[in-house]
Amino acid sequence: TTLAIINTLSLIIGTLIAIGGAKA
């Protein structure tokens, strides 16, 4: 459960940064 939360959060943050950078 702990591993799942960490991996999901890292993916969310990385995805948001990528989408923001692409739109910029």
mmCIF file of all heavy atoms, coordinates in Angstrom:
data_MODEL
# 
_entry.id   MODEL 
# 
loop_
_atom_site.group_PDB 
_atom_site.id 
_atom_site.type_symbol 
_atom_site.label_atom_id 
_atom_site.label_alt_id 
_atom_site.label_comp_id 
_atom_site.label_asym_id 
_atom_site.label_entity_id 
_atom_site.label_seq_id 
_atom_site.pdbx_PDB_ins_code 
_atom_site.Cartn_x 
_atom_site.Cartn_y 
_atom_site.Cartn_z 
_atom_site.occupancy 
_atom_site.B_iso_or_equiv 
_atom_site.pdbx_formal_charge 
_atom_site.auth_seq_id 
_atom_site.auth_comp_id 
_atom_site.auth_asym_id 
_atom_site.auth_atom_id 
_atom_site.pdbx_PDB_model_num 
ATOM 1   N N   . THR A 1 1  ? 0.836  -1.198 0.000   1.00 0.00 ? 1  THR A N   1 
ATOM 2   C CA  . THR A 1 1  ? 0.000  0.000  0.000   1.00 0.00 ? 1  THR A CA  1 
ATOM 3   C C   . THR A 1 1  ? 0.872  1.249  0.000   1.00 0.00 ? 1  THR A C   1 
ATOM 4   O O   . THR A 1 1  ? 0.631  2.211  -0.737  1.00 0.00 ? 1  THR A O   1 
ATOM 5   C CB  . THR A 1 1  ? -0.929 0.006  1.225   1.00 0.00 ? 1  THR A CB  1 
ATOM 6   O OG1 . THR A 1 1  ? -1.743 -1.162 1.204   1.00 0.00 ? 1  THR A OG1 1 
ATOM 7   C CG2 . THR A 1 1  ? -1.811 1.244  1.233   1.00 0.00 ? 1  THR A CG2 1 
ATOM 8   N N   . THR A 1 2  ? 1.915  1.231  0.841   1.00 0.00 ? 2  THR A N   1 
ATOM 9   C CA  . THR A 1 2  ? 2.851  2.359  0.896   1.00 0.00 ? 2  THR A CA  1 
ATOM 10  C C   . THR A 1 2  ? 3.543  2.555  -0.448  1.00 0.00 ? 2  THR A C   1 
ATOM 11  O O   . THR A 1 2  ? 3.645  3.685  -0.957  1.00 0.00 ? 2  THR A O   1 
ATOM 12  C CB  . THR A 1 2  ? 3.896  2.108  1.996   1.00 0.00 ? 2  THR A CB  1 
ATOM 13  O OG1 . THR A 1 2  ? 3.237  1.956  3.243   1.00 0.00 ? 2  THR A OG1 1 
ATOM 14  C CG2 . THR A 1 2  ? 4.885  3.263  2.079   1.00 0.00 ? 2  THR A CG2 1 
ATOM 15  N N   . LEU A 1 3  ? 4.028  1.475  -1.026  1.00 0.00 ? 3  LEU A N   1 
ATOM 16  C CA  . LEU A 1 3  ? 4.678  1.567  -2.333  1.00 0.00 ? 3  LEU A CA  1 
ATOM 17  C C   . LEU A 1 3  ? 3.728  2.102  -3.390  1.00 0.00 ? 3  LEU A C   1 
ATOM 18  O O   . LEU A 1 3  ? 4.117  2.915  -4.243  1.00 0.00 ? 3  LEU A O   1 
ATOM 19  C CB  . LEU A 1 3  ? 5.184  0.180  -2.749  1.00 0.00 ? 3  LEU A CB  1 
ATOM 20  C CG  . LEU A 1 3  ? 6.433  -0.333 -2.041  1.00 0.00 ? 3  LEU A CG  1 
ATOM 21  C CD1 . LEU A 1 3  ? 6.592  -1.835 -2.278  1.00 0.00 ? 3  LEU A CD1 1 
ATOM 22  C CD2 . LEU A 1 3  ? 7.669  0.406  -2.524  1.00 0.00 ? 3  LEU A CD2 1 
ATOM 23  N N   . ALA A 1 4  ? 2.487  1.657  -3.336  1.00 0.00 ? 4  ALA A N   1 
ATOM 24  C CA  . ALA A 1 4  ? 1.505  2.092  -4.326  1.00 0.00 ? 4  ALA A CA  1 
ATOM 25  C C   . ALA A 1 4  ? 1.266  3.592  -4.242  1.00 0.00 ? 4  ALA A C   1 
ATOM 26  O O   . ALA A 1 4  ? 1.192  4.292  -5.253  1.00 0.00 ? 4  ALA A O   1 
ATOM 27  C CB  . ALA A 1 4  ? 0.198  1.331  -4.122  1.00 0.00 ? 4  ALA A CB  1 
ATOM 28  N N   . ILE A 1 5  ? 1.153  4.108  -3.026  1.00 0.00 ? 5  ILE A N   1 
ATOM 29  C CA  . ILE A 1 5  ? 0.899  5.550  -2.836  1.00 0.00 ? 5  ILE A CA  1 
ATOM 30  C C   . ILE A 1 5  ? 2.077  6.358  -3.361  1.00 0.00 ? 5  ILE A C   1 
ATOM 31  O O   . ILE A 1 5  ? 1.906  7.366  -4.067  1.00 0.00 ? 5  ILE A O   1 
ATOM 32  C CB  . ILE A 1 5  ? 0.642  5.851  -1.354  1.00 0.00 ? 5  ILE A CB  1 
ATOM 33  C CG1 . ILE A 1 5  ? -0.683 5.220  -0.910  1.00 0.00 ? 5  ILE A CG1 1 
ATOM 34  C CG2 . ILE A 1 5  ? 0.621  7.360  -1.109  1.00 0.00 ? 5  ILE A CG2 1 
ATOM 35  C CD1 . ILE A 1 5  ? -0.929 5.303  0.580   1.00 0.00 ? 5  ILE A CD1 1 
ATOM 36  N N   . ILE A 1 6  ? 3.289  5.930  -3.041  1.00 0.00 ? 6  ILE A N   1 
ATOM 37  C CA  . ILE A 1 6  ? 4.484  6.671  -3.480  1.00 0.00 ? 6  ILE A CA  1 
ATOM 38  C C   . ILE A 1 6  ? 4.582  6.689  -5.005  1.00 0.00 ? 6  ILE A C   1 
ATOM 39  O O   . ILE A 1 6  ? 4.814  7.740  -5.619  1.00 0.00 ? 6  ILE A O   1 
ATOM 40  C CB  . ILE A 1 6  ? 5.748  6.043  -2.865  1.00 0.00 ? 6  ILE A CB  1 
ATOM 41  C CG1 . ILE A 1 6  ? 5.758  6.233  -1.351  1.00 0.00 ? 6  ILE A CG1 1 
ATOM 42  C CG2 . ILE A 1 6  ? 7.010  6.658  -3.483  1.00 0.00 ? 6  ILE A CG2 1 
ATOM 43  C CD1 . ILE A 1 6  ? 6.847  5.459  -0.647  1.00 0.00 ? 6  ILE A CD1 1 
ATOM 44  N N   . ASN A 1 7  ? 4.419  5.533  -5.615  1.00 0.00 ? 7  ASN A N   1 
ATOM 45  C CA  . ASN A 1 7  ? 4.531  5.461  -7.076  1.00 0.00 ? 7  ASN A CA  1 
ATOM 46  C C   . ASN A 1 7  ? 3.447  6.267  -7.770  1.00 0.00 ? 7  ASN A C   1 
ATOM 47  O O   . ASN A 1 7  ? 3.694  6.903  -8.800  1.00 0.00 ? 7  ASN A O   1 
ATOM 48  C CB  . ASN A 1 7  ? 4.467  4.000  -7.522  1.00 0.00 ? 7  ASN A CB  1 
ATOM 49  C CG  . ASN A 1 7  ? 5.709  3.220  -7.145  1.00 0.00 ? 7  ASN A CG  1 
ATOM 50  O OD1 . ASN A 1 7  ? 6.805  3.774  -7.098  1.00 0.00 ? 7  ASN A OD1 1 
ATOM 51  N ND2 . ASN A 1 7  ? 5.552  1.940  -6.849  1.00 0.00 ? 7  ASN A ND2 1 
ATOM 52  N N   . THR A 1 8  ? 2.246  6.261  -7.220  1.00 0.00 ? 8  THR A N   1 
ATOM 53  C CA  . THR A 1 8  ? 1.154  7.024  -7.821  1.00 0.00 ? 8  THR A CA  1 
ATOM 54  C C   . THR A 1 8  ? 1.416  8.527  -7.717  1.00 0.00 ? 8  THR A C   1 
ATOM 55  O O   . THR A 1 8  ? 1.216  9.279  -8.678  1.00 0.00 ? 8  THR A O   1 
ATOM 56  C CB  . THR A 1 8  ? -0.183 6.671  -7.146  1.00 0.00 ? 8  THR A CB  1 
ATOM 57  O OG1 . THR A 1 8  ? -0.430 5.269  -7.312  1.00 0.00 ? 8  THR A OG1 1 
ATOM 58  C CG2 . THR A 1 8  ? -1.326 7.447  -7.771  1.00 0.00 ? 8  THR A CG2 1 
ATOM 59  N N   . LEU A 1 9  ? 1.862  8.978  -6.533  1.00 0.00 ? 9  LEU A N   1 
ATOM 60  C CA  . LEU A 1 9  ? 2.144  10.410 -6.351  1.00 0.00 ? 9  LEU A CA  1 
ATOM 61  C C   . LEU A 1 9  ? 3.268  10.877 -7.275  1.00 0.00 ? 9  LEU A C   1 
ATOM 62  O O   . LEU A 1 9  ? 3.189  11.967 -7.857  1.00 0.00 ? 9  LEU A O   1 
ATOM 63  C CB  . LEU A 1 9  ? 2.513  10.687 -4.893  1.00 0.00 ? 9  LEU A CB  1 
ATOM 64  C CG  . LEU A 1 9  ? 1.370  10.673 -3.883  1.00 0.00 ? 9  LEU A CG  1 
ATOM 65  C CD1 . LEU A 1 9  ? 1.904  10.877 -2.464  1.00 0.00 ? 9  LEU A CD1 1 
ATOM 66  C CD2 . LEU A 1 9  ? 0.344  11.754 -4.217  1.00 0.00 ? 9  LEU A CD2 1 
ATOM 67  N N   . SER A 1 10 ? 4.313  10.056 -7.419  1.00 0.00 ? 10 SER A N   1 
ATOM 68  C CA  . SER A 1 10 ? 5.415  10.461 -8.295  1.00 0.00 ? 10 SER A CA  1 
ATOM 69  C C   . SER A 1 10 ? 4.953  10.560 -9.742  1.00 0.00 ? 10 SER A C   1 
ATOM 70  O O   . SER A 1 10 ? 5.374  11.461 -10.479 1.00 0.00 ? 10 SER A O   1 
ATOM 71  C CB  . SER A 1 10 ? 6.580  9.462  -8.175  1.00 0.00 ? 10 SER A CB  1 
ATOM 72  O OG  . SER A 1 10 ? 6.210  8.185  -8.643  1.00 0.00 ? 10 SER A OG  1 
ATOM 73  N N   . LEU A 1 11 ? 4.070  9.655  -10.141 1.00 0.00 ? 11 LEU A N   1 
ATOM 74  C CA  . LEU A 1 11 ? 3.542  9.698  -11.505 1.00 0.00 ? 11 LEU A CA  1 
ATOM 75  C C   . LEU A 1 11 ? 2.651  10.915 -11.715 1.00 0.00 ? 11 LEU A C   1 
ATOM 76  O O   . LEU A 1 11 ? 2.709  11.573 -12.766 1.00 0.00 ? 11 LEU A O   1 
ATOM 77  C CB  . LEU A 1 11 ? 2.769  8.419  -11.802 1.00 0.00 ? 11 LEU A CB  1 
ATOM 78  C CG  . LEU A 1 11 ? 2.181  8.285  -13.207 1.00 0.00 ? 11 LEU A CG  1 
ATOM 79  C CD1 . LEU A 1 11 ? 3.269  8.382  -14.264 1.00 0.00 ? 11 LEU A CD1 1 
ATOM 80  C CD2 . LEU A 1 11 ? 1.418  6.965  -13.349 1.00 0.00 ? 11 LEU A CD2 1 
ATOM 81  N N   . ILE A 1 12 ? 1.825  11.240 -10.724 1.00 0.00 ? 12 ILE A N   1 
ATOM 82  C CA  . ILE A 1 12 ? 0.945  12.411 -10.831 1.00 0.00 ? 12 ILE A CA  1 
ATOM 83  C C   . ILE A 1 12 ? 1.767  13.686 -10.986 1.00 0.00 ? 12 ILE A C   1 
ATOM 84  O O   . ILE A 1 12 ? 1.507  14.524 -11.869 1.00 0.00 ? 12 ILE A O   1 
ATOM 85  C CB  . ILE A 1 12 ? 0.032  12.514 -9.604  1.00 0.00 ? 12 ILE A CB  1 
ATOM 86  C CG1 . ILE A 1 12 ? -1.017 11.398 -9.610  1.00 0.00 ? 12 ILE A CG1 1 
ATOM 87  C CG2 . ILE A 1 12 ? -0.666 13.880 -9.552  1.00 0.00 ? 12 ILE A CG2 1 
ATOM 88  C CD1 . ILE A 1 12 ? -1.852 11.332 -8.347  1.00 0.00 ? 12 ILE A CD1 1 
ATOM 89  N N   . ILE A 1 13 ? 2.771  13.851 -10.129 1.00 0.00 ? 13 ILE A N   1 
ATOM 90  C CA  . ILE A 1 13 ? 3.587  15.064 -10.175 1.00 0.00 ? 13 ILE A CA  1 
ATOM 91  C C   . ILE A 1 13 ? 4.338  15.162 -11.507 1.00 0.00 ? 13 ILE A C   1 
ATOM 92  O O   . ILE A 1 13 ? 4.364  16.223 -12.154 1.00 0.00 ? 13 ILE A O   1 
ATOM 93  C CB  . ILE A 1 13 ? 4.572  15.096 -8.992  1.00 0.00 ? 13 ILE A CB  1 
ATOM 94  C CG1 . ILE A 1 13 ? 3.795  15.212 -7.676  1.00 0.00 ? 13 ILE A CG1 1 
ATOM 95  C CG2 . ILE A 1 13 ? 5.549  16.266 -9.126  1.00 0.00 ? 13 ILE A CG2 1 
ATOM 96  C CD1 . ILE A 1 13 ? 4.658  15.052 -6.435  1.00 0.00 ? 13 ILE A CD1 1 
ATOM 97  N N   . GLY A 1 14 ? 4.956  14.053 -11.926 1.00 0.00 ? 14 GLY A N   1 
ATOM 98  C CA  . GLY A 1 14 ? 5.676  14.066 -13.199 1.00 0.00 ? 14 GLY A CA  1 
ATOM 99  C C   . GLY A 1 14 ? 4.763  14.356 -14.375 1.00 0.00 ? 14 GLY A C   1 
ATOM 100 O O   . GLY A 1 14 ? 5.133  15.100 -15.292 1.00 0.00 ? 14 GLY A O   1 
ATOM 101 N N   . THR A 1 15 ? 3.566  13.799 -14.353 1.00 0.00 ? 15 THR A N   1 
ATOM 102 C CA  . THR A 1 15 ? 2.606  14.017 -15.442 1.00 0.00 ? 15 THR A CA  1 
ATOM 103 C C   . THR A 1 15 ? 2.152  15.467 -15.506 1.00 0.00 ? 15 THR A C   1 
ATOM 104 O O   . THR A 1 15 ? 2.080  16.069 -16.592 1.00 0.00 ? 15 THR A O   1 
ATOM 105 C CB  . THR A 1 15 ? 1.391  13.093 -15.263 1.00 0.00 ? 15 THR A CB  1 
ATOM 106 O OG1 . THR A 1 15 ? 1.826  11.727 -15.311 1.00 0.00 ? 15 THR A OG1 1 
ATOM 107 C CG2 . THR A 1 15 ? 0.367  13.330 -16.356 1.00 0.00 ? 15 THR A CG2 1 
ATOM 108 N N   . LEU A 1 16 ? 1.842  16.044 -14.363 1.00 0.00 ? 16 LEU A N   1 
ATOM 109 C CA  . LEU A 1 16 ? 1.391  17.442 -14.331 1.00 0.00 ? 16 LEU A CA  1 
ATOM 110 C C   . LEU A 1 16 ? 2.482  18.383 -14.838 1.00 0.00 ? 16 LEU A C   1 
ATOM 111 O O   . LEU A 1 16 ? 2.196  19.342 -15.574 1.00 0.00 ? 16 LEU A O   1 
ATOM 112 C CB  . LEU A 1 16 ? 0.975  17.827 -12.908 1.00 0.00 ? 16 LEU A CB  1 
ATOM 113 C CG  . LEU A 1 16 ? -0.301 17.164 -12.377 1.00 0.00 ? 16 LEU A CG  1 
ATOM 114 C CD1 . LEU A 1 16 ? -0.542 17.554 -10.918 1.00 0.00 ? 16 LEU A CD1 1 
ATOM 115 C CD2 . LEU A 1 16 ? -1.507 17.548 -13.231 1.00 0.00 ? 16 LEU A CD2 1 
ATOM 116 N N   . ILE A 1 17 ? 3.717  18.121 -14.442 1.00 0.00 ? 17 ILE A N   1 
ATOM 117 C CA  . ILE A 1 17 ? 4.826  18.960 -14.912 1.00 0.00 ? 17 ILE A CA  1 
ATOM 118 C C   . ILE A 1 17 ? 4.989  18.822 -16.426 1.00 0.00 ? 17 ILE A C   1 
ATOM 119 O O   . ILE A 1 17 ? 5.208  19.822 -17.136 1.00 0.00 ? 17 ILE A O   1 
ATOM 120 C CB  . ILE A 1 17 ? 6.127  18.574 -14.186 1.00 0.00 ? 17 ILE A CB  1 
ATOM 121 C CG1 . ILE A 1 17 ? 6.036  18.987 -12.715 1.00 0.00 ? 17 ILE A CG1 1 
ATOM 122 C CG2 . ILE A 1 17 ? 7.339  19.226 -14.854 1.00 0.00 ? 17 ILE A CG2 1 
ATOM 123 C CD1 . ILE A 1 17 ? 7.215  18.532 -11.880 1.00 0.00 ? 17 ILE A CD1 1 
ATOM 124 N N   . ALA A 1 18 ? 4.873  17.597 -16.951 1.00 0.00 ? 18 ALA A N   1 
ATOM 125 C CA  . ALA A 1 18 ? 5.019  17.386 -18.390 1.00 0.00 ? 18 ALA A CA  1 
ATOM 126 C C   . ALA A 1 18 ? 3.914  18.087 -19.171 1.00 0.00 ? 18 ALA A C   1 
ATOM 127 O O   . ALA A 1 18 ? 4.172  18.738 -20.198 1.00 0.00 ? 18 ALA A O   1 
ATOM 128 C CB  . ALA A 1 18 ? 5.005  15.892 -18.695 1.00 0.00 ? 18 ALA A CB  1 
ATOM 129 N N   . ILE A 1 19 ? 2.684  17.973 -18.698 1.00 0.00 ? 19 ILE A N   1 
ATOM 130 C CA  . ILE A 1 19 ? 1.569  18.626 -19.397 1.00 0.00 ? 19 ILE A CA  1 
ATOM 131 C C   . ILE A 1 19 ? 1.726  20.143 -19.358 1.00 0.00 ? 19 ILE A C   1 
ATOM 132 O O   . ILE A 1 19 ? 1.517  20.835 -20.368 1.00 0.00 ? 19 ILE A O   1 
ATOM 133 C CB  . ILE A 1 19 ? 0.224  18.199 -18.773 1.00 0.00 ? 19 ILE A CB  1 
ATOM 134 C CG1 . ILE A 1 19 ? -0.020 16.706 -19.054 1.00 0.00 ? 19 ILE A CG1 1 
ATOM 135 C CG2 . ILE A 1 19 ? -0.925 19.028 -19.325 1.00 0.00 ? 19 ILE A CG2 1 
ATOM 136 C CD1 . ILE A 1 19 ? -1.230 16.151 -18.342 1.00 0.00 ? 19 ILE A CD1 1 
ATOM 137 N N   . GLY A 1 20 ? 2.126  20.675 -18.185 1.00 0.00 ? 20 GLY A N   1 
ATOM 138 C CA  . GLY A 1 20 ? 2.354  22.117 -18.083 1.00 0.00 ? 20 GLY A CA  1 
ATOM 139 C C   . GLY A 1 20 ? 3.451  22.586 -19.018 1.00 0.00 ? 20 GLY A C   1 
ATOM 140 O O   . GLY A 1 20 ? 3.318  23.623 -19.683 1.00 0.00 ? 20 GLY A O   1 
ATOM 141 N N   . GLY A 1 21 ? 4.546  21.820 -19.082 1.00 0.00 ? 21 GLY A N   1 
ATOM 142 C CA  . GLY A 1 21 ? 5.643  22.190 -19.967 1.00 0.00 ? 21 GLY A CA  1 
ATOM 143 C C   . GLY A 1 21 ? 5.255  22.113 -21.433 1.00 0.00 ? 21 GLY A C   1 
ATOM 144 O O   . GLY A 1 21 ? 5.642  22.970 -22.241 1.00 0.00 ? 21 GLY A O   1 
ATOM 145 N N   . ALA A 1 22 ? 4.478  21.090 -21.791 1.00 0.00 ? 22 ALA A N   1 
ATOM 146 C CA  . ALA A 1 22 ? 4.038  20.956 -23.188 1.00 0.00 ? 22 ALA A CA  1 
ATOM 147 C C   . ALA A 1 22 ? 3.134  22.115 -23.591 1.00 0.00 ? 22 ALA A C   1 
ATOM 148 O O   . ALA A 1 22 ? 3.263  22.676 -24.686 1.00 0.00 ? 22 ALA A O   1 
ATOM 149 C CB  . ALA A 1 22 ? 3.318  19.618 -23.381 1.00 0.00 ? 22 ALA A CB  1 
ATOM 150 N N   . LYS A 1 23 ? 2.203  22.481 -22.720 1.00 0.00 ? 23 LYS A N   1 
ATOM 151 C CA  . LYS A 1 23 ? 1.300  23.592 -23.024 1.00 0.00 ? 23 LYS A CA  1 
ATOM 152 C C   . LYS A 1 23 ? 2.041  24.918 -23.076 1.00 0.00 ? 23 LYS A C   1 
ATOM 153 O O   . LYS A 1 23 ? 1.624  25.845 -23.786 1.00 0.00 ? 23 LYS A O   1 
ATOM 154 C CB  . LYS A 1 23 ? 0.188  23.652 -21.982 1.00 0.00 ? 23 LYS A CB  1 
ATOM 155 C CG  . LYS A 1 23 ? -0.767 22.448 -22.031 1.00 0.00 ? 23 LYS A CG  1 
ATOM 156 C CD  . LYS A 1 23 ? -1.916 22.601 -21.064 1.00 0.00 ? 23 LYS A CD  1 
ATOM 157 C CE  . LYS A 1 23 ? -2.888 23.674 -21.546 1.00 0.00 ? 23 LYS A CE  1 
ATOM 158 N NZ  . LYS A 1 23 ? -4.097 23.731 -20.689 1.00 0.00 ? 23 LYS A NZ  1 
ATOM 159 N N   . ALA A 1 24 ? 3.134  25.017 -22.325 1.00 0.00 ? 24 ALA A N   1 
ATOM 160 C CA  . ALA A 1 24 ? 3.927  26.253 -22.336 1.00 0.00 ? 24 ALA A CA  1 
ATOM 161 C C   . ALA A 1 24 ? 4.834  26.340 -23.556 1.00 0.00 ? 24 ALA A C   1 
ATOM 162 O O   . ALA A 1 24 ? 5.508  27.365 -23.753 1.00 0.00 ? 24 ALA A O   1 
ATOM 163 C CB  . ALA A 1 24 ? 4.754  26.346 -21.062 1.00 0.00 ? 24 ALA A CB  1 
# 
